[in-house]
Protein backbone atom coordinates (compact mmCIF):
# COMPACT_ATOMS: atom_id res chain seq x y z
CA UNK A 1 18.67 -38.33 3.14
CA UNK A 2 17.89 -37.25 6.80
CA UNK A 3 20.19 -34.13 6.66
CA UNK A 4 18.60 -33.27 3.38
CA UNK A 5 15.19 -32.98 5.25
CA UNK A 6 16.35 -31.01 8.02
CA UNK A 7 17.98 -28.55 5.80
CA UNK A 8 14.78 -28.26 3.71
CA UNK A 9 12.76 -27.69 7.03
CA UNK A 10 15.25 -25.02 7.98
CA UNK A 11 15.02 -23.17 5.05
CA UNK A 12 11.39 -22.70 4.99
CA UNK A 13 11.51 -20.07 7.87
CA UNK A 14 14.28 -18.22 5.90
CA UNK A 15 12.50 -18.07 2.91
CA UNK A 16 9.23 -16.98 4.63
CA UNK A 17 11.22 -14.22 6.30
CA UNK A 18 12.65 -13.12 3.13
CA UNK A 19 9.27 -12.86 1.32
CA UNK A 20 7.90 -11.04 4.61
CA UNK A 21 10.47 -8.45 4.40
CA UNK A 22 9.49 -7.93 0.79
CA UNK A 23 6.08 -7.03 1.92
CA UNK A 24 4.26 -7.93 -1.08
CA UNK A 25 0.52 -9.23 0.15
CA UNK A 26 0.60 -11.70 -2.58
CA UNK A 27 4.08 -13.55 -1.36
CA UNK A 28 2.65 -13.62 2.46
CA UNK A 29 0.00 -15.83 3.40
CA UNK A 30 -3.22 -13.78 4.34
CA UNK A 31 -3.01 -14.87 7.92
CA UNK A 32 0.65 -13.79 8.11
CA UNK A 33 -0.26 -10.50 6.48
CA UNK A 34 -3.16 -10.06 8.84
CA UNK A 35 -0.96 -10.55 12.01
CA UNK A 36 1.34 -7.81 10.67
CA UNK A 37 -1.42 -5.37 9.81
CA UNK A 38 -2.82 -5.67 13.56
CA UNK A 39 0.65 -5.13 14.80
CA UNK A 40 1.52 -2.08 12.93
CA UNK A 41 -1.49 -0.72 10.78
CA UNK A 42 0.19 2.24 9.37
CA UNK A 43 2.88 0.46 7.69
CA UNK A 44 0.64 -1.71 5.93
CA UNK A 45 -1.46 0.89 4.04
CA UNK A 46 -0.31 -0.10 0.55
CA UNK A 47 -1.20 -3.74 1.09
CA UNK A 48 -4.65 -2.74 2.34
CA UNK A 49 -5.06 -0.86 -0.75
CA UNK A 50 -3.93 -4.19 -2.74
CA UNK A 51 -6.14 -6.06 -0.71
CA UNK A 52 -9.07 -3.90 -1.40
CA UNK A 53 -8.27 -3.95 -5.18
CA UNK A 54 -8.07 -7.79 -5.07
CA UNK A 55 -11.16 -8.06 -3.38
CA UNK A 56 -13.18 -5.63 -5.87
CA UNK A 57 -11.54 -7.18 -8.74
CA UNK A 58 -12.57 -10.68 -7.61
CA UNK A 59 -16.01 -9.47 -6.94
CA UNK A 60 -16.11 -7.98 -10.53
CA UNK A 61 -14.84 -11.46 -11.94
CA UNK A 62 -17.21 -13.53 -9.85
CA UNK A 63 -20.11 -11.21 -10.87
CA UNK A 64 -18.97 -11.65 -14.52
CA UNK A 65 -19.04 -15.37 -14.12
CA UNK A 66 -22.32 -15.54 -12.45
CA UNK A 67 -24.17 -13.43 -15.13
CA UNK A 68 -22.62 -15.86 -17.80
CA UNK A 69 -23.70 -18.67 -15.93
CA UNK A 70 -27.16 -17.48 -14.63
CA UNK A 71 -29.08 -20.31 -15.47
CA UNK A 72 -26.55 -22.99 -14.07
CA UNK A 73 -25.44 -22.37 -10.57
CA UNK A 74 -23.19 -25.37 -11.09
CA UNK A 75 -21.19 -23.40 -13.63
CA UNK A 76 -20.26 -21.08 -10.81
CA UNK A 77 -19.82 -23.70 -8.40
CA UNK A 78 -17.43 -25.51 -10.87
CA UNK A 79 -14.78 -22.89 -10.25
CA UNK A 80 -14.17 -22.52 -6.68
CA UNK A 81 -10.98 -20.58 -7.05
CA UNK A 82 -12.88 -17.28 -7.56
CA UNK A 83 -15.12 -17.96 -4.66
CA UNK A 84 -12.38 -18.88 -2.32
CA UNK A 85 -10.26 -15.90 -3.34
CA UNK A 86 -13.33 -13.70 -2.74
CA UNK A 87 -14.00 -15.17 0.50
CA UNK A 88 -10.85 -15.37 1.98
CA UNK A 89 -10.20 -11.33 1.01
CA UNK A 90 -13.56 -10.63 2.67
CA UNK A 91 -12.50 -12.45 5.72
CA UNK A 92 -9.11 -10.70 5.85
CA UNK A 93 -10.74 -7.08 5.35
CA UNK A 94 -13.31 -8.12 7.81
CA UNK A 95 -10.41 -8.69 10.53
CA UNK A 96 -8.67 -5.59 9.78
CA UNK A 97 -11.71 -3.09 9.24
CA UNK A 98 -11.50 -1.79 12.80
CA UNK A 99 -7.77 -0.93 12.29
CA UNK A 100 -8.80 1.21 9.11
CA UNK A 101 -12.02 2.73 9.96
CA UNK A 102 -11.86 5.40 7.39
CA UNK A 103 -10.17 3.42 4.54
CA UNK A 104 -12.84 0.42 4.90
CA UNK A 105 -15.96 2.63 5.77
CA UNK A 106 -17.79 0.91 2.50
CA UNK A 107 -16.68 -2.56 3.08
CA UNK A 108 -19.41 -3.63 5.52
CA UNK A 109 -22.16 -2.18 3.25
CA UNK A 110 -20.60 -3.49 0.12
CA UNK A 111 -20.50 -7.01 1.78
CA UNK A 112 -23.76 -6.63 3.05
CA UNK A 113 -25.20 -5.71 -0.23
CA UNK A 114 -23.42 -8.76 -1.98
CA UNK A 115 -25.11 -11.10 0.51
CA UNK A 116 -28.49 -9.52 0.20
CA UNK A 117 -28.47 -9.36 -3.60
CA UNK A 118 -26.65 -12.50 -4.59
CA UNK A 119 -27.21 -15.12 -2.00
CA UNK A 120 -29.35 -17.20 -4.05
CA UNK A 121 -26.60 -17.70 -6.64
CA UNK A 122 -23.74 -17.86 -4.38
CA UNK A 123 -21.86 -21.37 -3.69
CA UNK A 124 -22.71 -22.30 -0.39
CA UNK A 125 -18.97 -22.03 0.82
CA UNK A 126 -18.78 -18.78 -0.41
CA UNK A 127 -22.11 -17.77 1.10
CA UNK A 128 -20.82 -18.96 4.45
CA UNK A 129 -17.60 -17.40 4.57
CA UNK A 130 -19.24 -13.96 3.60
CA UNK A 131 -21.98 -14.30 6.06
CA UNK A 132 -19.04 -15.02 8.62
CA UNK A 133 -17.19 -11.71 7.68
CA UNK A 134 -20.45 -9.59 8.16
CA UNK A 135 -21.32 -11.60 11.60
CA UNK A 136 -17.40 -10.52 12.62
CA UNK A 137 -18.03 -6.99 11.38
CA UNK A 138 -21.23 -6.80 13.19
CA UNK A 139 -19.88 -7.97 16.36
CA UNK A 140 -16.78 -5.63 16.52
CA UNK A 141 -19.14 -2.59 16.00
């Protein structure tokens, strides 16, 4: 049984390497993708486009859910997956914005507008995550 456990732990890095070589952003962990983007920004432009699309799509989904549950903030908070997904993408984009200033030129303003306009309706975890992303952007400029 011990050798089986050893085999499983040695297979994980191989599997991760295989997924990394495929360079599909949804297959990599966001932290791994962020590191790779920092090391070689030009090679990850398609992943950046994917991330921007994911952020924009999750923002639209979140706004639709918020509109449907406007009277009950617990309706938004009861589905944490959309908020987590949105917050995670916002943080990653905030980290890589200095690497892609022309591609992400509108991102800081979009993030600030989201916080300014929707802060009262955001679940506290998402509001905190978006504020952290905005602070990171402010500190880097």
